Amino acid sequence: MGKVRDEYRSLDTLAPHPRNFNTHGERQVASLADAIRIVAYTAPIICKPDGTILGGHARRLALLKLRAESHAEPAGVRAGWKVPCRVVECSPAEELKILATDNPAPEQI
């Protein structure tokens, strides 16, 4: 794997991966949004340099929900809805491995 760096990125610059098979229902997203609002945002979104998400699709949806409901940025998120991200430079094969391991199939949970 290539370089890995941590940085804050605007929520609007992050996009779901087109090959992410894991879907997140409204109840799951609402529950996660409540937990983030009450406790804090603690896990970085894993993304490629172009902002394509490899891990953290549900967290992104939960943050979008909080923002849409006019909540203030939760602890762990910077002003302007800038979220912690782990940016990874990787090959296409490594990308799929990260996508698969961070987003397990439902039968693996």
C-alpha atoms as a PDB file:
ATOM      1  CA  MET A   1       0.000   0.000   0.000  1.00  0.00           C
ATOM      2  CA  GLY A   2       1.118   3.521  -0.721  1.00  0.00           C
ATOM      3  CA  LYS A   3       0.945   6.543   1.507  1.00  0.00           C
ATOM      4  CA  VAL A   4      -1.550   6.854   4.335  1.00  0.00           C
ATOM      5  CA  ARG A   5      -2.293  10.218   5.898  1.00  0.00           C
ATOM      6  CA  ASP A   6      -4.851  11.631   8.282  1.00  0.00           C
ATOM      7  CA  GLU A   7      -6.624  14.882   7.512  1.00  0.00           C
ATOM      8  CA  TYR A   8      -9.939  16.647   7.883  1.00  0.00           C
ATOM      9  CA  ARG A   9     -12.149  16.878   4.814  1.00  0.00           C
ATOM     10  CA  SER A  10     -15.461  18.537   4.108  1.00  0.00           C
ATOM     11  CA  LEU A  11     -18.342  16.088   4.325  1.00  0.00           C
ATOM     12  CA  ASP A  12     -19.426  17.312   0.879  1.00  0.00           C
ATOM     13  CA  THR A  13     -16.190  16.130  -0.750  1.00  0.00           C
ATOM     14  CA  LEU A  14     -16.708  12.490   0.279  1.00  0.00           C
ATOM     15  CA  ALA A  15     -18.579  10.151  -2.063  1.00  0.00           C
ATOM     16  CA  PRO A  16     -19.827   6.585  -1.647  1.00  0.00           C
ATOM     17  CA  HIS A  17     -17.873   3.900  -3.432  1.00  0.00           C
ATOM     18  CA  PRO A  18     -19.886   2.560  -6.396  1.00  0.00           C
ATOM     19  CA  ARG A  19     -18.937  -1.014  -5.461  1.00  0.00           C
ATOM     20  CA  ASN A  20     -19.976  -0.777  -1.810  1.00  0.00           C
ATOM     21  CA  PHE A  21     -22.541  -3.556  -1.439  1.00  0.00           C
ATOM     22  CA  ASN A  22     -23.444  -2.818   2.154  1.00  0.00           C
ATOM     23  CA  THR A  23     -26.668  -0.831   2.488  1.00  0.00           C
ATOM     24  CA  HIS A  24     -27.763   1.052   5.568  1.00  0.00           C
ATOM     25  CA  GLY A  25     -31.423   1.359   6.483  1.00  0.00           C
ATOM     26  CA  GLU A  26     -33.018   4.446   7.968  1.00  0.00           C
ATOM     27  CA  ARG A  27     -33.152   2.911  11.460  1.00  0.00           C
ATOM     28  CA  GLN A  28     -29.468   2.030  11.424  1.00  0.00           C
ATOM     29  CA  VAL A  29     -28.484   5.508  10.209  1.00  0.00           C
ATOM     30  CA  ALA A  30     -30.770   7.201  12.762  1.00  0.00           C
ATOM     31  CA  SER A  31     -29.345   5.088  15.582  1.00  0.00           C
ATOM     32  CA  LEU A  32     -25.787   5.880  14.553  1.00  0.00           C
ATOM     33  CA  ALA A  33     -26.627   9.584  14.198  1.00  0.00           C
ATOM     34  CA  ASP A  34     -28.049   9.616  17.735  1.00  0.00           C
ATOM     35  CA  ALA A  35     -24.939   7.910  19.112  1.00  0.00           C
ATOM     36  CA  ILE A  36     -22.639  10.377  17.352  1.00  0.00           C
ATOM     37  CA  ARG A  37     -24.711  13.358  18.532  1.00  0.00           C
ATOM     38  CA  ILE A  38     -24.763  12.157  22.166  1.00  0.00           C
ATOM     39  CA  VAL A  39     -21.248  10.746  22.520  1.00  0.00           C
ATOM     40  CA  ALA A  40     -18.948  12.057  19.744  1.00  0.00           C
ATOM     41  CA  TYR A  41     -17.660  11.250  16.307  1.00  0.00           C
ATOM     42  CA  THR A  42     -14.689   8.968  16.908  1.00  0.00           C
ATOM     43  CA  ALA A  43     -13.758   6.934  13.808  1.00  0.00           C
ATOM     44  CA  PRO A  44     -12.199   8.388  10.667  1.00  0.00           C
ATOM     45  CA  ILE A  45     -13.691   7.746   7.261  1.00  0.00           C
ATOM     46  CA  ILE A  46     -11.300   5.764   5.088  1.00  0.00           C
ATOM     47  CA  CYS A  47     -11.103   7.270   1.620  1.00  0.00           C
ATOM     48  CA  LYS A  48      -9.035   7.495  -1.513  1.00  0.00           C
ATOM     49  CA  PRO A  49      -7.314  10.792  -2.381  1.00  0.00           C
ATOM     50  CA  ASP A  50     -10.247  11.672  -4.666  1.00  0.00           C
ATOM     51  CA  GLY A  51     -12.685  11.359  -1.736  1.00  0.00           C
ATOM     52  CA  THR A  52     -14.216   8.008  -2.682  1.00  0.00           C
ATOM     53  CA  ILE A  53     -15.108   6.226   0.559  1.00  0.00           C
ATOM     54  CA  LEU A  54     -13.654   2.799   1.237  1.00  0.00           C
ATOM     55  CA  GLY A  55     -14.906   2.564   4.815  1.00  0.00           C
ATOM     56  CA  GLY A  56     -17.385   4.707   6.710  1.00  0.00           C
ATOM     57  CA  HIS A  57     -20.410   4.875   4.419  1.00  0.00           C
ATOM     58  CA  ALA A  58     -22.856   4.636   7.361  1.00  0.00           C
ATOM     59  CA  ARG A  59     -20.960   7.269   9.351  1.00  0.00           C
ATOM     60  CA  ARG A  60     -21.195   9.640   6.380  1.00  0.00           C
ATOM     61  CA  LEU A  61     -24.945   9.051   6.134  1.00  0.00           C
ATOM     62  CA  ALA A  62     -25.363   9.635   9.870  1.00  0.00           C
ATOM     63  CA  LEU A  63     -23.463  12.918   9.676  1.00  0.00           C
ATOM     64  CA  LEU A  64     -25.493  14.016   6.661  1.00  0.00           C
ATOM     65  CA  LYS A  65     -28.656  13.271   8.660  1.00  0.00           C
ATOM     66  CA  LEU A  66     -27.457  15.344  11.619  1.00  0.00           C
ATOM     67  CA  ARG A  67     -26.555  18.236   9.348  1.00  0.00           C
ATOM     68  CA  ALA A  68     -29.894  18.039   7.510  1.00  0.00           C
ATOM     69  CA  GLU A  69     -31.645  18.221  10.886  1.00  0.00           C
ATOM     70  CA  SER A  70     -29.666  21.401  11.674  1.00  0.00           C
ATOM     71  CA  HIS A  71     -27.671  19.901  14.544  1.00  0.00           C
ATOM     72  CA  ALA A  72     -24.376  21.522  15.417  1.00  0.00           C
ATOM     73  CA  GLU A  73     -21.245  19.651  14.459  1.00  0.00           C
ATOM     74  CA  PRO A  74     -20.765  16.885  17.030  1.00  0.00           C
ATOM     75  CA  ALA A  75     -17.574  16.579  19.054  1.00  0.00           C
ATOM     76  CA  GLY A  76     -14.877  15.194  16.783  1.00  0.00           C
ATOM     77  CA  VAL A  77     -16.134  17.089  13.722  1.00  0.00           C
ATOM     78  CA  ARG A  78     -14.661  20.486  12.912  1.00  0.00           C
ATOM     79  CA  ALA A  79     -16.584  23.622  11.984  1.00  0.00           C
ATOM     80  CA  GLY A  80     -18.055  23.466   8.513  1.00  0.00           C
ATOM     81  CA  TRP A  81     -18.694  19.720   8.851  1.00  0.00           C
ATOM     82  CA  LYS A  82     -15.065  18.766   8.298  1.00  0.00           C
ATOM     83  CA  VAL A  83     -14.593  15.145   9.317  1.00  0.00           C
ATOM     84  CA  PRO A  84     -11.494  13.138  10.171  1.00  0.00           C
ATOM     85  CA  CYS A  85     -10.393  10.981   7.261  1.00  0.00           C
ATOM     86  CA  ARG A  86      -7.686   8.404   6.742  1.00  0.00           C
ATOM     87  CA  VAL A  87      -6.624   8.947   3.146  1.00  0.00           C
ATOM     88  CA  VAL A  88      -5.015   5.907   1.536  1.00  0.00           C
ATOM     89  CA  GLU A  89      -3.217   5.590  -1.752  1.00  0.00           C
ATOM     90  CA  CYS A  90      -3.663   2.024  -2.914  1.00  0.00           C
ATOM     91  CA  SER A  91      -3.839  -0.241  -5.918  1.00  0.00           C
ATOM     92  CA  PRO A  92      -7.222  -1.333  -7.275  1.00  0.00           C
ATOM     93  CA  ALA A  93      -6.750  -4.752  -5.646  1.00  0.00           C
ATOM     94  CA  GLU A  94      -5.916  -3.169  -2.269  1.00  0.00           C
ATOM     95  CA  GLU A  95      -8.896  -0.846  -2.664  1.00  0.00           C
ATOM     96  CA  LEU A  96     -11.253  -3.809  -3.015  1.00  0.00           C
ATOM     97  CA  LYS A  97      -9.675  -5.543  -0.008  1.00  0.00           C
ATOM     98  CA  ILE A  98     -10.224  -2.465   2.155  1.00  0.00           C
ATOM     99  CA  LEU A  99     -13.766  -2.092   0.844  1.00  0.00           C
ATOM    100  CA  ALA A 100     -14.542  -5.741   1.604  1.00  0.00           C
ATOM    101  CA  THR A 101     -12.967  -5.870   5.056  1.00  0.00           C
ATOM    102  CA  ASP A 102     -14.373  -2.572   6.301  1.00  0.00           C
ATOM    103  CA  ASN A 103     -17.817  -3.415   4.917  1.00  0.00           C
ATOM    104  CA  PRO A 104     -18.399  -7.082   5.782  1.00  0.00           C
ATOM    105  CA  ALA A 105     -21.190  -9.001   4.111  1.00  0.00           C
ATOM    106  CA  PRO A 106     -24.252  -9.286   6.361  1.00  0.00           C
ATOM    107  CA  GLU A 107     -23.636 -12.997   6.877  1.00  0.00           C
ATOM    108  CA  GLN A 108     -20.188 -12.158   8.291  1.00  0.00           C
ATOM    109  CA  ILE A 109     -21.624 -10.014  11.076  1.00  0.00           C
END
